[in-house]
Amino acid sequence: KRTKKPEKKHFGKATSLYTQADKIIMYDQNHLVGRAHFCLLEGDKTDQADAQFNFVLAKSEKHIAANMGKACILFNKKDYKRCSWTFSKRHSKGNENCPASVRLGMGLCFYRLGNTD
């Protein structure tokens, strides 16, 4: 049985390191995406994560990790139509190197929308 105590310790350490990194590379896209995914892991900072994903996507709309995070938020909000659009419009069409996780996410959205063809 796992305890939450060590996990809290690690989350605290990660938060401290991200805060220190903010002073060095605050607007670096990869830093912001990493911080946003960390916010999603914490569970109660979805709005903060969404804002960071939106910031990165405004500068680079095809940033795969930012799009995946944005799609995760939309999926958890049960906004499957926008979630599937986020996946399909930005990555799959004409991209033969599209990651399997993107195709899986699209499939889950289409399934939830009742489109099983």
N, C-alpha and C. Protein backbone atom coordinates (compact mmCIF):
# COMPACT_ATOMS: atom_id res chain seq x y z
N LYS A 1 0.85 -1.18 0.00
CA LYS A 1 0.00 0.00 0.00
C LYS A 1 0.89 1.24 0.00
N ARG A 2 0.61 2.14 -0.96
CA ARG A 2 1.39 3.37 -1.05
C ARG A 2 0.84 4.43 -0.11
N THR A 3 1.76 5.21 0.40
CA THR A 3 1.34 6.34 1.22
C THR A 3 1.51 7.63 0.44
N LYS A 4 0.76 8.65 0.79
CA LYS A 4 0.81 9.93 0.11
C LYS A 4 1.96 10.81 0.62
N LYS A 5 2.51 10.47 1.77
CA LYS A 5 3.52 11.33 2.38
C LYS A 5 4.76 11.50 1.48
N PRO A 6 5.38 10.41 0.99
CA PRO A 6 6.55 10.61 0.12
C PRO A 6 6.18 11.37 -1.15
N GLU A 7 4.99 11.12 -1.68
CA GLU A 7 4.55 11.81 -2.88
C GLU A 7 4.47 13.31 -2.64
N LYS A 8 3.96 13.73 -1.50
CA LYS A 8 3.89 15.15 -1.16
C LYS A 8 5.28 15.76 -1.10
N LYS A 9 6.22 15.01 -0.56
CA LYS A 9 7.59 15.49 -0.45
C LYS A 9 8.17 15.75 -1.84
N HIS A 10 7.92 14.83 -2.76
CA HIS A 10 8.44 14.97 -4.12
C HIS A 10 7.74 16.10 -4.87
N PHE A 11 6.44 16.25 -4.66
CA PHE A 11 5.71 17.35 -5.30
C PHE A 11 6.24 18.69 -4.79
N GLY A 12 6.52 18.76 -3.51
CA GLY A 12 7.07 19.99 -2.93
C GLY A 12 8.43 20.31 -3.54
N LYS A 13 9.27 19.32 -3.68
CA LYS A 13 10.60 19.50 -4.28
C LYS A 13 10.47 19.95 -5.73
N ALA A 14 9.57 19.30 -6.49
CA ALA A 14 9.37 19.66 -7.89
C ALA A 14 8.84 21.09 -8.01
N THR A 15 7.92 21.47 -7.15
CA THR A 15 7.39 22.83 -7.16
C THR A 15 8.50 23.84 -6.91
N SER A 16 9.35 23.53 -5.95
CA SER A 16 10.48 24.42 -5.64
C SER A 16 11.42 24.55 -6.83
N LEU A 17 11.70 23.44 -7.50
CA LEU A 17 12.60 23.48 -8.66
C LEU A 17 11.99 24.25 -9.82
N TYR A 18 10.69 24.09 -10.06
CA TYR A 18 10.04 24.85 -11.12
C TYR A 18 10.05 26.34 -10.79
N THR A 19 9.88 26.69 -9.54
CA THR A 19 9.92 28.10 -9.13
C THR A 19 11.30 28.69 -9.38
N GLN A 20 12.34 27.92 -9.08
CA GLN A 20 13.70 28.37 -9.35
C GLN A 20 13.94 28.52 -10.85
N ALA A 21 13.44 27.57 -11.62
CA ALA A 21 13.61 27.61 -13.07
C ALA A 21 12.87 28.79 -13.68
N ASP A 22 11.75 29.19 -13.07
CA ASP A 22 11.00 30.35 -13.56
C ASP A 22 11.88 31.59 -13.61
N LYS A 23 12.80 31.69 -12.68
CA LYS A 23 13.68 32.86 -12.62
C LYS A 23 14.71 32.85 -13.75
N ILE A 24 14.94 31.68 -14.34
CA ILE A 24 15.95 31.56 -15.38
C ILE A 24 15.33 31.54 -16.78
N ILE A 25 14.31 30.71 -16.96
CA ILE A 25 13.73 30.51 -18.29
C ILE A 25 12.20 30.57 -18.26
N MET A 26 11.67 31.63 -17.70
CA MET A 26 10.23 31.71 -17.46
C MET A 26 9.38 31.48 -18.72
N TYR A 27 9.78 32.02 -19.86
CA TYR A 27 8.95 31.95 -21.05
C TYR A 27 9.40 30.90 -22.06
N ASP A 28 10.28 30.02 -21.67
CA ASP A 28 10.68 28.93 -22.54
C ASP A 28 9.50 27.98 -22.71
N GLN A 29 9.17 27.65 -23.96
CA GLN A 29 7.98 26.83 -24.23
C GLN A 29 8.03 25.47 -23.54
N ASN A 30 9.16 24.80 -23.61
CA ASN A 30 9.26 23.48 -22.99
C ASN A 30 9.14 23.55 -21.46
N HIS A 31 9.68 24.59 -20.88
CA HIS A 31 9.54 24.79 -19.44
C HIS A 31 8.07 24.99 -19.07
N LEU A 32 7.38 25.84 -19.83
CA LEU A 32 5.96 26.11 -19.55
C LEU A 32 5.10 24.87 -19.72
N VAL A 33 5.39 24.09 -20.75
CA VAL A 33 4.62 22.85 -20.97
C VAL A 33 4.89 21.85 -19.86
N GLY A 34 6.14 21.73 -19.45
CA GLY A 34 6.46 20.83 -18.33
C GLY A 34 5.76 21.26 -17.06
N ARG A 35 5.76 22.55 -16.79
CA ARG A 35 5.09 23.06 -15.59
C ARG A 35 3.58 22.82 -15.69
N ALA A 36 3.02 23.01 -16.87
CA ALA A 36 1.58 22.81 -17.05
C ALA A 36 1.21 21.34 -16.83
N HIS A 37 2.01 20.43 -17.36
CA HIS A 37 1.74 19.00 -17.13
C HIS A 37 1.87 18.67 -15.64
N PHE A 38 2.82 19.30 -14.97
CA PHE A 38 2.97 19.11 -13.53
C PHE A 38 1.72 19.60 -12.81
N CYS A 39 1.18 20.74 -13.24
CA CYS A 39 -0.07 21.26 -12.65
C CYS A 39 -1.21 20.26 -12.82
N LEU A 40 -1.25 19.60 -13.97
CA LEU A 40 -2.29 18.58 -14.19
C LEU A 40 -2.11 17.42 -13.23
N LEU A 41 -0.87 17.05 -12.97
CA LEU A 41 -0.60 15.96 -12.02
C LEU A 41 -1.07 16.31 -10.61
N GLU A 42 -0.92 17.56 -10.24
CA GLU A 42 -1.34 17.98 -8.90
C GLU A 42 -2.85 17.91 -8.75
N GLY A 43 -3.56 18.05 -9.86
CA GLY A 43 -5.00 17.83 -9.85
C GLY A 43 -5.86 19.05 -9.62
N ASP A 44 -5.42 20.00 -8.85
CA ASP A 44 -6.29 21.13 -8.52
C ASP A 44 -5.86 22.42 -9.23
N LYS A 45 -4.99 22.30 -10.21
CA LYS A 45 -4.48 23.48 -10.90
C LYS A 45 -4.74 23.41 -12.41
N THR A 46 -5.91 22.90 -12.76
CA THR A 46 -6.26 22.73 -14.17
C THR A 46 -6.33 24.06 -14.90
N ASP A 47 -6.87 25.09 -14.25
CA ASP A 47 -6.98 26.40 -14.90
C ASP A 47 -5.60 26.99 -15.18
N GLN A 48 -4.68 26.82 -14.25
CA GLN A 48 -3.32 27.32 -14.44
C GLN A 48 -2.65 26.56 -15.59
N ALA A 49 -2.84 25.24 -15.64
CA ALA A 49 -2.27 24.44 -16.72
C ALA A 49 -2.85 24.87 -18.07
N ASP A 50 -4.15 25.09 -18.10
CA ASP A 50 -4.82 25.50 -19.34
C ASP A 50 -4.25 26.83 -19.84
N ALA A 51 -4.05 27.77 -18.95
CA ALA A 51 -3.50 29.07 -19.33
C ALA A 51 -2.08 28.91 -19.90
N GLN A 52 -1.28 28.05 -19.31
CA GLN A 52 0.08 27.85 -19.80
C GLN A 52 0.09 27.15 -21.15
N PHE A 53 -0.80 26.15 -21.33
CA PHE A 53 -0.90 25.50 -22.64
C PHE A 53 -1.34 26.51 -23.70
N ASN A 54 -2.32 27.34 -23.36
CA ASN A 54 -2.80 28.36 -24.31
C ASN A 54 -1.70 29.34 -24.69
N PHE A 55 -0.88 29.73 -23.72
CA PHE A 55 0.24 30.64 -23.99
C PHE A 55 1.21 30.03 -25.00
N VAL A 56 1.56 28.77 -24.78
CA VAL A 56 2.49 28.09 -25.68
C VAL A 56 1.86 27.91 -27.06
N LEU A 57 0.58 27.51 -27.10
CA LEU A 57 -0.07 27.27 -28.38
C LEU A 57 -0.28 28.55 -29.18
N ALA A 58 -0.36 29.68 -28.50
CA ALA A 58 -0.47 30.96 -29.21
C ALA A 58 0.81 31.27 -29.97
N LYS A 59 1.93 30.76 -29.48
CA LYS A 59 3.21 30.99 -30.13
C LYS A 59 3.58 29.87 -31.10
N SER A 60 3.13 28.66 -30.81
CA SER A 60 3.48 27.50 -31.63
C SER A 60 2.30 26.52 -31.61
N GLU A 61 1.37 26.70 -32.55
CA GLU A 61 0.12 25.93 -32.52
C GLU A 61 0.29 24.44 -32.75
N LYS A 62 1.44 24.01 -33.24
CA LYS A 62 1.65 22.58 -33.48
C LYS A 62 2.53 21.93 -32.41
N HIS A 63 2.70 22.58 -31.30
CA HIS A 63 3.50 22.01 -30.20
C HIS A 63 2.75 20.79 -29.67
N ILE A 64 3.28 19.60 -29.93
CA ILE A 64 2.57 18.36 -29.64
C ILE A 64 2.28 18.20 -28.15
N ALA A 65 3.25 18.43 -27.29
CA ALA A 65 3.03 18.24 -25.85
C ALA A 65 2.00 19.22 -25.30
N ALA A 66 1.99 20.45 -25.82
CA ALA A 66 0.99 21.43 -25.38
C ALA A 66 -0.40 21.04 -25.87
N ASN A 67 -0.48 20.57 -27.10
CA ASN A 67 -1.77 20.12 -27.63
C ASN A 67 -2.29 18.90 -26.87
N MET A 68 -1.39 18.00 -26.52
CA MET A 68 -1.80 16.82 -25.75
C MET A 68 -2.35 17.23 -24.38
N GLY A 69 -1.70 18.18 -23.74
CA GLY A 69 -2.18 18.67 -22.45
C GLY A 69 -3.52 19.35 -22.58
N LYS A 70 -3.66 20.19 -23.61
CA LYS A 70 -4.92 20.89 -23.85
C LYS A 70 -6.04 19.88 -24.12
N ALA A 71 -5.74 18.88 -24.93
CA ALA A 71 -6.73 17.84 -25.23
C ALA A 71 -7.11 17.06 -23.96
N CYS A 72 -6.15 16.82 -23.09
CA CYS A 72 -6.42 16.12 -21.83
C CYS A 72 -7.41 16.92 -20.98
N ILE A 73 -7.20 18.22 -20.92
CA ILE A 73 -8.11 19.08 -20.16
C ILE A 73 -9.51 19.03 -20.76
N LEU A 74 -9.61 19.15 -22.08
CA LEU A 74 -10.91 19.12 -22.76
C LEU A 74 -11.59 17.77 -22.55
N PHE A 75 -10.82 16.69 -22.62
CA PHE A 75 -11.39 15.35 -22.43
C PHE A 75 -11.96 15.21 -21.02
N ASN A 76 -11.21 15.68 -20.03
CA ASN A 76 -11.68 15.58 -18.65
C ASN A 76 -12.88 16.47 -18.37
N LYS A 77 -13.06 17.52 -19.18
CA LYS A 77 -14.24 18.37 -19.07
C LYS A 77 -15.41 17.82 -19.90
N LYS A 78 -15.18 16.66 -20.53
CA LYS A 78 -16.16 15.99 -21.37
C LYS A 78 -16.53 16.81 -22.61
N ASP A 79 -15.60 17.63 -23.07
CA ASP A 79 -15.77 18.41 -24.29
C ASP A 79 -15.09 17.62 -25.42
N TYR A 80 -15.70 16.49 -25.79
CA TYR A 80 -15.09 15.55 -26.72
C TYR A 80 -14.96 16.11 -28.13
N LYS A 81 -15.89 16.94 -28.53
CA LYS A 81 -15.83 17.50 -29.88
C LYS A 81 -14.60 18.39 -30.05
N ARG A 82 -14.41 19.32 -29.12
CA ARG A 82 -13.23 20.20 -29.19
C ARG A 82 -11.95 19.40 -28.96
N CYS A 83 -12.03 18.39 -28.11
CA CYS A 83 -10.86 17.55 -27.85
C CYS A 83 -10.44 16.82 -29.12
N SER A 84 -11.40 16.22 -29.82
CA SER A 84 -11.06 15.50 -31.05
C SER A 84 -10.53 16.47 -32.10
N TRP A 85 -11.08 17.69 -32.15
CA TRP A 85 -10.58 18.69 -33.08
C TRP A 85 -9.13 19.04 -32.75
N THR A 86 -8.85 19.20 -31.47
CA THR A 86 -7.48 19.52 -31.04
C THR A 86 -6.51 18.45 -31.51
N PHE A 87 -6.93 17.20 -31.38
CA PHE A 87 -6.08 16.10 -31.86
C PHE A 87 -5.98 16.08 -33.38
N SER A 88 -7.12 16.04 -34.06
CA SER A 88 -7.12 15.77 -35.50
C SER A 88 -6.67 16.95 -36.34
N LYS A 89 -7.14 18.13 -36.04
CA LYS A 89 -6.83 19.29 -36.86
C LYS A 89 -5.35 19.62 -36.83
N ARG A 90 -4.74 19.45 -35.70
CA ARG A 90 -3.37 19.91 -35.55
C ARG A 90 -2.30 18.85 -35.80
N HIS A 91 -2.69 17.57 -35.80
CA HIS A 91 -1.62 16.58 -35.89
C HIS A 91 -1.81 15.49 -36.93
N SER A 92 -2.97 14.92 -37.02
CA SER A 92 -3.08 13.68 -37.77
C SER A 92 -3.18 13.85 -39.27
N LYS A 93 -3.84 14.88 -39.74
CA LYS A 93 -4.06 15.03 -41.17
C LYS A 93 -2.74 15.31 -41.90
N GLY A 94 -2.36 14.38 -42.74
CA GLY A 94 -1.15 14.55 -43.53
C GLY A 94 0.14 14.34 -42.76
N ASN A 95 0.05 13.87 -41.55
CA ASN A 95 1.25 13.66 -40.75
C ASN A 95 1.43 12.16 -40.51
N GLU A 96 2.28 11.55 -41.32
CA GLU A 96 2.48 10.12 -41.19
C GLU A 96 3.27 9.74 -39.93
N ASN A 97 3.91 10.72 -39.30
CA ASN A 97 4.67 10.47 -38.08
C ASN A 97 3.88 10.83 -36.83
N CYS A 98 2.58 10.92 -36.97
CA CYS A 98 1.72 11.28 -35.85
C CYS A 98 1.86 10.23 -34.73
N PRO A 99 2.13 10.68 -33.50
CA PRO A 99 2.31 9.72 -32.40
C PRO A 99 1.06 8.88 -32.14
N ALA A 100 1.27 7.66 -31.70
CA ALA A 100 0.15 6.75 -31.41
C ALA A 100 -0.76 7.33 -30.33
N SER A 101 -0.20 8.07 -29.39
CA SER A 101 -1.03 8.64 -28.32
C SER A 101 -2.05 9.63 -28.88
N VAL A 102 -1.70 10.32 -29.96
CA VAL A 102 -2.64 11.25 -30.59
C VAL A 102 -3.77 10.46 -31.25
N ARG A 103 -3.41 9.41 -31.98
CA ARG A 103 -4.45 8.58 -32.63
C ARG A 103 -5.35 7.92 -31.60
N LEU A 104 -4.78 7.47 -30.50
CA LEU A 104 -5.57 6.86 -29.43
C LEU A 104 -6.53 7.88 -28.82
N GLY A 105 -6.04 9.08 -28.55
CA GLY A 105 -6.90 10.13 -28.01
C GLY A 105 -8.04 10.48 -28.94
N MET A 106 -7.74 10.55 -30.23
CA MET A 106 -8.81 10.82 -31.20
C MET A 106 -9.85 9.71 -31.17
N GLY A 107 -9.38 8.48 -31.13
CA GLY A 107 -10.30 7.34 -31.11
C GLY A 107 -11.20 7.36 -29.88
N LEU A 108 -10.64 7.69 -28.73
CA LEU A 108 -11.45 7.78 -27.50
C LEU A 108 -12.50 8.88 -27.60
N CYS A 109 -12.13 10.01 -28.18
CA CYS A 109 -13.09 11.10 -28.36
C CYS A 109 -14.21 10.68 -29.29
N PHE A 110 -13.84 10.10 -30.43
CA PHE A 110 -14.86 9.68 -31.39
C PHE A 110 -15.79 8.62 -30.78
N TYR A 111 -15.22 7.72 -29.98
CA TYR A 111 -16.04 6.71 -29.30
C TYR A 111 -17.03 7.38 -28.35
N ARG A 112 -16.56 8.34 -27.56
CA ARG A 112 -17.44 9.03 -26.63
C ARG A 112 -18.52 9.86 -27.35
N LEU A 113 -18.20 10.28 -28.57
CA LEU A 113 -19.19 11.03 -29.37
C LEU A 113 -20.15 10.11 -30.11
N GLY A 114 -19.91 8.78 -29.99
CA GLY A 114 -20.79 7.81 -30.65
C GLY A 114 -20.41 7.51 -32.08
N ASN A 115 -19.27 8.00 -32.52
CA ASN A 115 -18.81 7.76 -33.88
C ASN A 115 -17.84 6.58 -33.85
N THR A 116 -18.36 5.38 -34.10
CA THR A 116 -17.53 4.18 -34.02
C THR A 116 -17.14 3.63 -35.38
N ASP A 117 -17.37 4.39 -36.43
CA ASP A 117 -17.02 3.91 -37.79
C ASP A 117 -15.55 4.02 -38.06
